[in-house]
Structures are given as structure tokens and as C-alpha cells.
N, C-alpha and C. Protein backbone atom coordinates (compact mmCIF):
# COMPACT_ATOMS: atom_id res chain seq x y z
N MET A 1 -15.02 -20.89 -13.28
CA MET A 1 -14.72 -19.86 -13.75
C MET A 1 -14.16 -18.89 -12.91
N ARG A 2 -13.45 -17.90 -13.32
CA ARG A 2 -12.27 -16.93 -12.56
C ARG A 2 -13.25 -15.72 -12.72
N LYS A 3 -13.25 -15.27 -11.46
CA LYS A 3 -13.65 -13.98 -11.00
C LYS A 3 -12.72 -13.15 -10.85
N SER A 4 -12.36 -11.66 -11.27
CA SER A 4 -11.65 -10.70 -10.58
C SER A 4 -12.42 -10.12 -9.64
N ILE A 5 -11.51 -9.87 -8.65
CA ILE A 5 -12.09 -8.89 -7.33
C ILE A 5 -11.74 -7.74 -7.48
N SER A 6 -12.24 -6.49 -7.54
CA SER A 6 -12.20 -5.25 -7.45
C SER A 6 -12.83 -4.45 -6.52
N VAL A 7 -11.98 -3.67 -5.64
CA VAL A 7 -12.63 -2.96 -4.67
C VAL A 7 -12.31 -1.39 -4.79
N LYS A 8 -13.52 -0.62 -4.69
CA LYS A 8 -13.34 0.84 -5.36
C LYS A 8 -12.47 1.58 -4.42
N GLY A 9 -11.32 2.50 -4.66
CA GLY A 9 -10.55 3.00 -3.90
C GLY A 9 -9.06 2.18 -3.49
N LEU A 10 -8.93 0.76 -4.04
CA LEU A 10 -8.12 0.00 -3.94
C LEU A 10 -7.44 -0.48 -4.93
N SER A 11 -7.88 0.22 -6.48
CA SER A 11 -7.37 -0.52 -7.41
C SER A 11 -6.02 -0.16 -7.85
N HIS A 12 -5.26 -0.91 -8.51
CA HIS A 12 -4.00 -0.96 -8.80
C HIS A 12 -3.62 -0.20 -9.98
N ARG A 13 -2.39 0.79 -10.16
CA ARG A 13 -2.47 1.60 -11.35
C ARG A 13 -2.34 0.73 -12.48
N HIS A 14 -1.90 -0.55 -12.35
CA HIS A 14 -1.90 -1.37 -13.84
C HIS A 14 -3.03 -2.26 -13.89
N PRO A 15 -3.54 -2.91 -14.93
CA PRO A 15 -4.38 -3.53 -15.20
C PRO A 15 -4.73 -4.86 -14.48
N VAL A 16 -4.95 -4.71 -13.05
CA VAL A 16 -4.65 -5.94 -12.06
C VAL A 16 -5.83 -5.86 -10.99
N PRO A 17 -6.62 -6.87 -11.11
CA PRO A 17 -7.56 -6.77 -9.76
C PRO A 17 -6.85 -6.93 -8.42
N ASN A 18 -7.67 -6.65 -7.55
CA ASN A 18 -7.27 -6.88 -5.88
C ASN A 18 -6.79 -8.32 -5.87
N ALA A 19 -7.85 -9.00 -6.45
CA ALA A 19 -7.93 -10.53 -5.91
C ALA A 19 -8.56 -11.13 -7.17
N CYS A 20 -8.38 -12.60 -7.20
CA CYS A 20 -9.17 -13.37 -8.09
C CYS A 20 -9.84 -14.55 -7.43
N ARG A 21 -10.68 -14.94 -7.39
CA ARG A 21 -11.44 -16.30 -7.19
C ARG A 21 -11.82 -17.22 -8.22
N ILE A 22 -11.56 -18.53 -7.73
CA ILE A 22 -11.87 -19.48 -8.53
C ILE A 22 -12.59 -20.59 -7.68
N GLY A 23 -13.83 -20.86 -8.07
CA GLY A 23 -14.75 -21.73 -7.03
C GLY A 23 -14.39 -21.06 -5.23
N ASN A 24 -13.97 -21.87 -4.70
CA ASN A 24 -13.88 -21.48 -3.27
C ASN A 24 -12.77 -20.65 -2.73
N MET A 25 -11.90 -20.76 -3.76
CA MET A 25 -10.43 -20.11 -3.46
C MET A 25 -10.24 -18.60 -3.90
N VAL A 26 -9.70 -18.01 -2.97
CA VAL A 26 -9.28 -16.87 -3.09
C VAL A 26 -8.04 -16.22 -3.10
N PHE A 27 -7.13 -15.56 -4.02
CA PHE A 27 -5.82 -15.14 -3.95
C PHE A 27 -5.63 -13.62 -4.22
N SER A 28 -5.06 -13.09 -3.30
CA SER A 28 -4.86 -11.68 -3.51
C SER A 28 -3.70 -11.22 -4.18
N GLY A 29 -3.63 -9.89 -4.91
CA GLY A 29 -2.41 -9.31 -5.05
C GLY A 29 -1.83 -8.78 -4.14
N ALA A 30 -1.16 -7.98 -4.39
CA ALA A 30 -0.41 -6.91 -3.03
C ALA A 30 -1.80 -6.10 -2.35
N VAL A 31 -1.64 -6.16 -1.20
CA VAL A 31 -2.59 -5.16 -0.50
C VAL A 31 -1.71 -4.27 0.13
N HIS A 32 -1.91 -2.87 -0.04
CA HIS A 32 -1.31 -1.68 0.30
C HIS A 32 -2.16 -1.17 1.17
N GLY A 33 -1.27 -0.21 1.95
CA GLY A 33 -1.74 0.63 3.25
C GLY A 33 -2.61 2.08 2.86
N VAL A 34 -2.82 2.16 1.58
CA VAL A 34 -3.51 3.18 1.29
C VAL A 34 -4.85 3.45 1.45
N SER A 35 -5.32 4.59 1.92
CA SER A 35 -6.90 4.61 2.61
C SER A 35 -7.54 4.90 1.14
N PRO A 36 -8.77 3.81 1.20
CA PRO A 36 -9.52 4.01 0.04
C PRO A 36 -10.33 4.97 -0.16
N ILE A 37 -10.50 6.09 0.85
CA ILE A 37 -11.08 7.17 0.98
C ILE A 37 -10.40 8.43 0.56
N THR A 38 -9.00 8.57 0.90
CA THR A 38 -8.21 9.56 0.42
C THR A 38 -7.31 9.60 -0.48
N LEU A 39 -7.18 8.12 -0.71
CA LEU A 39 -6.16 7.23 -1.94
C LEU A 39 -4.83 8.10 -1.51
N GLU A 40 -4.46 8.06 -0.16
CA GLU A 40 -3.06 8.16 0.32
C GLU A 40 -2.60 7.53 1.08
N LEU A 41 -1.33 7.06 0.80
CA LEU A 41 -0.35 6.41 1.67
C LEU A 41 0.06 7.06 2.97
N PRO A 42 -0.34 6.61 4.30
CA PRO A 42 0.00 7.57 5.82
C PRO A 42 1.33 7.37 5.73
N SER A 43 1.91 7.87 6.51
CA SER A 43 3.48 8.17 6.70
C SER A 43 3.96 6.99 7.80
N GLY A 44 3.18 6.85 8.72
CA GLY A 44 3.44 5.67 9.80
C GLY A 44 3.21 4.63 9.48
N MET A 45 4.08 3.77 10.25
CA MET A 45 3.85 2.02 10.24
C MET A 45 2.27 1.55 10.97
N ALA A 46 1.85 2.53 11.95
CA ALA A 46 0.40 2.23 12.55
C ALA A 46 -0.76 2.42 11.52
N ASP A 47 -0.57 3.47 11.07
CA ASP A 47 -1.99 3.73 9.85
C ASP A 47 -1.67 3.23 8.62
N GLN A 48 -0.42 2.64 8.41
CA GLN A 48 -0.33 1.80 6.88
C GLN A 48 -0.71 0.43 7.44
N SER A 49 -0.49 -0.06 8.84
CA SER A 49 -0.90 -1.77 8.99
C SER A 49 -2.22 -1.55 9.12
N ALA A 50 -3.12 -0.56 9.71
CA ALA A 50 -4.40 -0.53 10.17
C ALA A 50 -4.94 -0.68 8.83
N ASN A 51 -4.50 0.14 7.77
CA ASN A 51 -5.31 0.33 6.23
C ASN A 51 -4.90 -0.90 5.71
N VAL A 52 -3.60 -1.61 5.83
CA VAL A 52 -3.63 -2.88 5.27
C VAL A 52 -4.58 -4.17 5.76
N PHE A 53 -4.87 -4.21 6.86
CA PHE A 53 -5.86 -5.01 7.55
C PHE A 53 -7.43 -4.58 7.08
N ALA A 54 -7.73 -3.68 7.02
CA ALA A 54 -9.01 -2.97 6.65
C ALA A 54 -8.95 -3.34 5.24
N ASN A 55 -8.34 -3.03 4.36
CA ASN A 55 -8.02 -3.36 2.99
C ASN A 55 -8.22 -4.85 2.61
N MET A 56 -7.59 -5.73 3.23
CA MET A 56 -7.51 -7.10 3.45
C MET A 56 -9.01 -7.52 3.46
N LEU A 57 -9.63 -7.08 4.45
CA LEU A 57 -10.91 -7.40 5.20
C LEU A 57 -12.06 -6.94 3.96
N ALA A 58 -11.52 -5.65 3.41
CA ALA A 58 -12.68 -5.44 2.32
C ALA A 58 -12.66 -6.27 1.08
N ILE A 59 -11.11 -6.69 0.75
CA ILE A 59 -11.18 -7.42 -0.52
C ILE A 59 -11.97 -8.77 -0.40
N ILE A 60 -11.58 -9.35 0.92
CA ILE A 60 -12.09 -10.77 1.16
C ILE A 60 -13.77 -10.83 1.23
N GLU A 61 -14.12 -9.75 1.64
CA GLU A 61 -15.59 -9.48 1.71
C GLU A 61 -16.28 -9.19 0.44
N ALA A 62 -15.61 -8.74 -0.53
CA ALA A 62 -15.95 -8.17 -1.77
C ALA A 62 -15.83 -9.57 -2.46
N ALA A 63 -15.14 -10.54 -2.38
CA ALA A 63 -14.85 -11.84 -2.87
C ALA A 63 -16.18 -12.62 -2.15
N GLY A 64 -16.83 -12.39 -1.28
CA GLY A 64 -17.96 -13.21 -0.79
C GLY A 64 -17.51 -13.72 0.45
N GLY A 65 -16.40 -13.62 1.04
CA GLY A 65 -15.99 -14.43 2.33
C GLY A 65 -15.90 -13.29 3.56
N SER A 66 -15.00 -13.84 4.66
CA SER A 66 -14.97 -13.39 5.68
C SER A 66 -13.39 -13.52 5.95
N ALA A 67 -12.88 -13.00 7.31
CA ALA A 67 -11.60 -12.82 7.81
C ALA A 67 -11.40 -14.33 8.06
N GLU A 68 -12.60 -15.00 8.80
CA GLU A 68 -12.50 -16.33 9.10
C GLU A 68 -12.06 -17.31 7.98
N ASP A 69 -12.12 -17.08 6.31
CA ASP A 69 -11.71 -17.96 5.33
C ASP A 69 -10.37 -17.73 4.78
N ILE A 70 -9.65 -16.65 5.77
CA ILE A 70 -8.36 -16.35 5.04
C ILE A 70 -7.51 -17.63 6.10
N ILE A 71 -6.62 -18.14 5.05
CA ILE A 71 -5.57 -19.39 5.35
C ILE A 71 -4.26 -18.74 5.47
N LYS A 72 -3.90 -18.04 4.67
CA LYS A 72 -2.36 -17.88 4.81
C LYS A 72 -2.11 -16.25 4.35
N VAL A 73 -1.42 -15.39 5.15
CA VAL A 73 -1.04 -14.20 4.85
C VAL A 73 0.54 -14.00 4.83
N GLU A 74 0.92 -13.44 3.68
CA GLU A 74 2.13 -13.11 3.51
C GLU A 74 2.09 -11.59 3.80
N ILE A 75 3.05 -11.05 4.85
CA ILE A 75 3.28 -9.80 5.37
C ILE A 75 4.65 -9.33 4.70
N TYR A 76 4.66 -7.94 4.05
CA TYR A 76 6.01 -7.65 3.48
C TYR A 76 6.41 -6.23 4.51
N LEU A 77 7.66 -6.30 4.77
CA LEU A 77 7.88 -5.25 5.71
C LEU A 77 9.30 -4.60 5.29
N ARG A 78 9.29 -3.07 5.24
CA ARG A 78 10.48 -2.65 5.04
C ARG A 78 11.52 -2.81 5.90
N ASP A 79 10.89 -2.86 7.21
CA ASP A 79 11.96 -2.97 8.46
C ASP A 79 11.48 -4.18 8.97
N SER A 80 11.80 -5.53 8.95
CA SER A 80 11.32 -6.50 9.28
C SER A 80 11.54 -6.49 11.26
N SER A 81 12.34 -5.75 11.57
CA SER A 81 11.93 -5.89 13.21
C SER A 81 10.90 -5.08 13.54
N ASP A 82 10.26 -4.20 12.75
CA ASP A 82 9.16 -3.31 13.07
C ASP A 82 7.94 -4.04 12.91
N ARG A 83 7.49 -5.00 13.92
CA ARG A 83 6.25 -5.62 13.50
C ARG A 83 5.08 -5.52 14.58
N ASN A 84 5.38 -4.45 15.74
CA ASN A 84 4.44 -4.15 16.78
C ASN A 84 3.05 -4.03 16.23
N ALA A 85 2.95 -2.84 15.01
CA ALA A 85 2.06 -2.42 14.81
C ALA A 85 1.09 -3.31 13.79
N VAL A 86 1.96 -4.23 13.04
CA VAL A 86 1.38 -5.39 12.60
C VAL A 86 1.02 -6.21 13.18
N ASN A 87 1.36 -6.79 14.22
CA ASN A 87 0.84 -7.87 15.49
C ASN A 87 -0.29 -7.06 15.96
N GLU A 88 -0.39 -5.82 16.33
CA GLU A 88 -1.64 -5.57 16.96
C GLU A 88 -2.91 -5.61 15.88
N GLU A 89 -2.74 -5.34 14.83
CA GLU A 89 -3.73 -5.55 13.73
C GLU A 89 -3.92 -6.99 13.58
N TRP A 90 -3.22 -7.73 13.44
CA TRP A 90 -3.23 -9.25 13.33
C TRP A 90 -4.11 -9.70 14.76
N LEU A 91 -3.84 -9.51 15.68
CA LEU A 91 -4.72 -10.00 16.89
C LEU A 91 -6.12 -9.54 16.87
N ARG A 92 -6.21 -8.04 16.46
CA ARG A 92 -7.43 -7.64 16.09
C ARG A 92 -8.46 -8.16 15.14
N MET A 93 -7.83 -8.69 13.75
CA MET A 93 -8.39 -9.37 12.83
C MET A 93 -8.42 -11.00 13.23
N PHE A 94 -7.71 -11.35 13.95
CA PHE A 94 -7.62 -12.90 14.36
C PHE A 94 -7.31 -13.09 15.91
N PRO A 95 -8.59 -12.81 16.64
CA PRO A 95 -8.18 -12.67 18.17
C PRO A 95 -8.13 -14.22 18.51
N ASP A 96 -8.51 -15.21 17.91
CA ASP A 96 -8.54 -16.30 18.62
C ASP A 96 -7.48 -17.36 18.08
N PRO A 97 -6.67 -17.56 19.11
CA PRO A 97 -5.13 -18.17 18.90
C PRO A 97 -5.35 -19.67 18.41
N GLN A 98 -6.70 -20.01 18.31
CA GLN A 98 -6.79 -21.48 17.84
C GLN A 98 -7.48 -21.29 16.62
N SER A 99 -7.56 -20.35 15.95
CA SER A 99 -8.12 -20.13 14.57
C SER A 99 -7.46 -18.82 13.88
N ARG A 100 -5.98 -19.03 13.41
CA ARG A 100 -5.69 -17.85 12.99
C ARG A 100 -5.05 -18.72 11.61
N PRO A 101 -4.68 -17.77 10.58
CA PRO A 101 -4.04 -18.32 9.34
C PRO A 101 -2.26 -18.29 9.58
N ALA A 102 -1.93 -19.11 8.91
CA ALA A 102 -0.45 -19.28 8.83
C ALA A 102 0.10 -17.95 8.19
N ARG A 103 1.14 -17.34 8.31
CA ARG A 103 1.98 -16.12 8.25
C ARG A 103 3.25 -16.15 7.92
N HIS A 104 3.71 -15.38 6.97
CA HIS A 104 5.16 -15.48 6.98
C HIS A 104 5.50 -13.82 6.57
N VAL A 105 6.67 -13.48 7.01
CA VAL A 105 7.29 -12.24 6.74
C VAL A 105 8.43 -12.20 5.67
N ARG A 106 8.32 -11.06 4.85
CA ARG A 106 9.17 -11.09 3.75
C ARG A 106 9.52 -9.62 3.77
N PRO A 107 10.75 -9.36 3.05
CA PRO A 107 11.25 -7.97 2.97
C PRO A 107 10.63 -7.31 1.82
N LEU A 108 10.58 -5.78 2.23
CA LEU A 108 10.00 -4.83 1.39
C LEU A 108 11.22 -4.35 0.65
N PRO A 109 11.36 -4.00 -0.99
CA PRO A 109 12.58 -3.35 -1.16
C PRO A 109 13.07 -1.95 -0.19
N PRO A 110 13.86 -1.76 0.11
CA PRO A 110 14.33 -0.25 0.66
C PRO A 110 13.98 0.94 0.27
N ASP A 111 13.61 0.99 -1.11
CA ASP A 111 13.16 2.26 -1.73
C ASP A 111 11.61 2.20 -1.94
N SER A 112 10.91 0.93 -1.32
CA SER A 112 9.38 1.13 -1.53
C SER A 112 9.17 2.26 -1.05
N PRO A 113 7.86 2.78 -1.24
CA PRO A 113 7.15 3.85 -0.45
C PRO A 113 6.54 3.26 0.61
N SER A 114 5.82 2.05 0.40
CA SER A 114 5.09 1.12 1.58
C SER A 114 6.04 0.78 2.74
N LEU A 115 5.56 0.93 4.06
CA LEU A 115 6.66 0.32 5.13
C LEU A 115 5.77 -1.11 5.36
N VAL A 116 4.64 -1.60 4.73
CA VAL A 116 3.99 -2.69 5.04
C VAL A 116 2.92 -3.01 3.70
N GLN A 117 2.97 -4.25 3.44
CA GLN A 117 2.24 -4.62 2.40
C GLN A 117 1.55 -6.11 2.79
N SER A 118 0.68 -6.57 2.25
CA SER A 118 0.14 -8.19 2.50
C SER A 118 -0.07 -8.79 1.29
N GLU A 119 -0.41 -10.05 1.12
CA GLU A 119 -1.09 -10.90 0.39
C GLU A 119 -1.63 -12.08 0.98
N PHE A 120 -2.87 -12.50 0.52
CA PHE A 120 -3.30 -13.61 1.25
C PHE A 120 -4.17 -14.32 0.37
N ILE A 121 -4.39 -15.60 0.92
CA ILE A 121 -5.28 -16.96 0.42
C ILE A 121 -6.26 -17.38 1.38
N ALA A 122 -7.31 -17.43 0.35
CA ALA A 122 -8.48 -17.76 1.24
C ALA A 122 -9.46 -18.93 1.05
N VAL A 123 -9.92 -19.62 1.58
CA VAL A 123 -10.69 -20.87 1.04
C VAL A 123 -12.20 -20.43 1.46
N ILE A 124 -12.94 -20.06 0.73
CA ILE A 124 -14.31 -19.51 1.09
C ILE A 124 -15.28 -20.76 1.56
N GLY A 125 -15.97 -20.70 2.76
CA GLY A 125 -17.22 -21.67 2.91
C GLY A 125 -16.62 -23.25 3.06
N ASN A 126 -15.21 -23.16 3.45
CA ASN A 126 -14.40 -24.16 4.02
C ASN A 126 -14.91 -24.96 5.37
N VAL A 127 -15.43 -26.01 5.49
CA VAL A 127 -15.95 -26.67 6.69
C VAL A 127 -14.45 -27.30 7.07
N ALA A 128 -13.96 -27.07 8.46
CA ALA A 128 -12.71 -27.94 9.00
C ALA A 128 -13.17 -29.21 9.55
């Protein structure tokens, strides 16, 4: 059975959940750099990146999982050469080089209000 996952403060303006879970699989929608407390998008890349990763963690935890269950992350950047803040948060969330999800970077439209967004896929409770 499919279950919608929504996190307070991170809801989309459209009728779309933050993620969807079927069985042990979780697929997120766009994860933005908005603060779930202030509901504002910070202007800087470091703050947006920190929020994206914190929001990703909040969503996977709301789905019943953890960062260890994330197997693929798509990162969307307005400026693909500006990865330092993303890499810092990446290393904070996934410190073990032997246990990191796959990752791919894609462009955001130049008129996007966001500097960074993400999407992820997770398998909860998977034993490798």
C-alpha cells in the first residue's frame, strides 16, 4: 500500500507530499532549502544547503528510516561549479566513504529562487 509522507513546514504549495513510501522503498519529491521553522528560503548557498540536508533527514525519518537508508541523491544546483557547501553537508550526513549513496548533480533553471534542491531514493531496513 502506498503511503504519502509529509513533514510539517516542508509541504509543497501544490497537493503533493514530500515523499511516498511503498513497502520499504521511499521516493522523495523536490527537497528545498526552506527553513521549516521560518518557512523562508535563505539567500546564501551554505544556509540553503544546510536546510536541504536537514529537510532530507526529516523526510526520511518521517518515512520511518534514517540517512543510512538513502541509496541515491539527486542534487540540483543553479551554479554547478558551486558545490563546496553541498559537499560539506554531504560529508556531515554521510561521513563514511565506504557507505555513501550514489549522487548526481543536475542544473536548476537560472530563474529558480533556489540555489540548491535535492531528491532522494531510500530502501528502509535493507540488509546489504
